[in-house]
């Protein structure tokens, strides 16, 4: 999985005014509270990639 894909997931899985995930409702007709599993995973992946770059692991 690339950082670009994680960014795409984060761009779609956003909180709605009622606190539910917009992406889960739109894609799977599933009412799930935000942050959903996909948003949590993408946030963790994004943080790992940023830490890796900060520590000089990816040029």
C-alpha atoms as a PDB file:
ATOM      1  CA  UNK A   1       0.000   0.000   0.000  1.00  0.00           C
ATOM      2  CA  UNK A   2       1.330   3.410  -0.870  1.00  0.00           C
ATOM      3  CA  UNK A   3       0.988   6.691   0.916  1.00  0.00           C
ATOM      4  CA  UNK A   4      -1.109   7.946  -1.985  1.00  0.00           C
ATOM      5  CA  UNK A   5      -3.688   5.188  -1.414  1.00  0.00           C
ATOM      6  CA  UNK A   6      -3.813   5.965   2.315  1.00  0.00           C
ATOM      7  CA  UNK A   7      -4.428   9.622   1.432  1.00  0.00           C
ATOM      8  CA  UNK A   8      -7.277   8.619  -0.874  1.00  0.00           C
ATOM      9  CA  UNK A   9      -8.895   6.626   1.923  1.00  0.00           C
ATOM     10  CA  UNK A  10      -8.556   9.564   4.312  1.00  0.00           C
ATOM     11  CA  UNK A  11     -10.073  11.899   1.714  1.00  0.00           C
ATOM     12  CA  UNK A  12     -13.243   9.795   1.494  1.00  0.00           C
ATOM     13  CA  UNK A  13     -13.699   8.531   5.057  1.00  0.00           C
ATOM     14  CA  UNK A  14     -14.620  11.784   6.793  1.00  0.00           C
ATOM     15  CA  UNK A  15     -17.007  12.496   9.675  1.00  0.00           C
ATOM     16  CA  UNK A  16     -20.524  13.622   8.792  1.00  0.00           C
ATOM     17  CA  UNK A  17     -22.482  16.105  10.923  1.00  0.00           C
ATOM     18  CA  UNK A  18     -24.039  13.173  12.793  1.00  0.00           C
ATOM     19  CA  UNK A  19     -20.625  11.675  13.645  1.00  0.00           C
ATOM     20  CA  UNK A  20     -20.869   8.785  11.189  1.00  0.00           C
ATOM     21  CA  UNK A  21     -18.327   8.018   8.466  1.00  0.00           C
ATOM     22  CA  UNK A  22     -19.336   9.435   5.084  1.00  0.00           C
ATOM     23  CA  UNK A  23     -17.234   6.927   3.101  1.00  0.00           C
ATOM     24  CA  UNK A  24     -18.673   3.857   4.844  1.00  0.00           C
ATOM     25  CA  UNK A  25     -22.206   5.104   4.349  1.00  0.00           C
ATOM     26  CA  UNK A  26     -21.653   5.971   0.676  1.00  0.00           C
ATOM     27  CA  UNK A  27     -19.663   2.902  -0.380  1.00  0.00           C
ATOM     28  CA  UNK A  28     -21.151   0.119   1.728  1.00  0.00           C
ATOM     29  CA  UNK A  29     -24.405   1.595   3.050  1.00  0.00           C
ATOM     30  CA  UNK A  30     -22.967   0.873   6.471  1.00  0.00           C
ATOM     31  CA  UNK A  31     -23.498   3.219   9.382  1.00  0.00           C
ATOM     32  CA  UNK A  32     -20.249   3.236  11.267  1.00  0.00           C
ATOM     33  CA  UNK A  33     -18.978   5.843  13.715  1.00  0.00           C
ATOM     34  CA  UNK A  34     -16.070   8.016  12.707  1.00  0.00           C
ATOM     35  CA  UNK A  35     -13.200   7.197  12.817  1.00  0.00           C
ATOM     36  CA  UNK A  36     -14.022   3.906  11.108  1.00  0.00           C
ATOM     37  CA  UNK A  37     -11.530   1.067  10.692  1.00  0.00           C
ATOM     38  CA  UNK A  38     -10.431   2.313   7.283  1.00  0.00           C
ATOM     39  CA  UNK A  39      -9.764   5.846   8.537  1.00  0.00           C
ATOM     40  CA  UNK A  40      -7.890   4.548  11.588  1.00  0.00           C
ATOM     41  CA  UNK A  41      -5.749   2.270   9.430  1.00  0.00           C
ATOM     42  CA  UNK A  42      -4.966   5.044   6.923  1.00  0.00           C
ATOM     43  CA  UNK A  43      -4.042   7.474   9.726  1.00  0.00           C
ATOM     44  CA  UNK A  44      -1.658   4.917  11.244  1.00  0.00           C
ATOM     45  CA  UNK A  45      -0.114   4.155   7.847  1.00  0.00           C
ATOM     46  CA  UNK A  46       0.272   7.841   7.066  1.00  0.00           C
ATOM     47  CA  UNK A  47       1.939   8.476  10.448  1.00  0.00           C
ATOM     48  CA  UNK A  48       4.373   5.584   9.930  1.00  0.00           C
ATOM     49  CA  UNK A  49       5.316   6.872   6.475  1.00  0.00           C
ATOM     50  CA  UNK A  50       5.847  10.415   7.793  1.00  0.00           C
ATOM     51  CA  UNK A  51       8.011   9.113  10.651  1.00  0.00           C
ATOM     52  CA  UNK A  52      10.007   6.991   8.233  1.00  0.00           C
ATOM     53  CA  UNK A  53      10.667  10.048   6.024  1.00  0.00           C
ATOM     54  CA  UNK A  54      11.541  12.219   9.043  1.00  0.00           C
ATOM     55  CA  UNK A  55      14.097   9.685  10.233  1.00  0.00           C
ATOM     56  CA  UNK A  56      15.675   9.602   6.796  1.00  0.00           C
ATOM     57  CA  UNK A  57      14.455   6.201   5.686  1.00  0.00           C
ATOM     58  CA  UNK A  58      13.023   7.361   2.357  1.00  0.00           C
ATOM     59  CA  UNK A  59      14.729   9.902   0.177  1.00  0.00           C
END
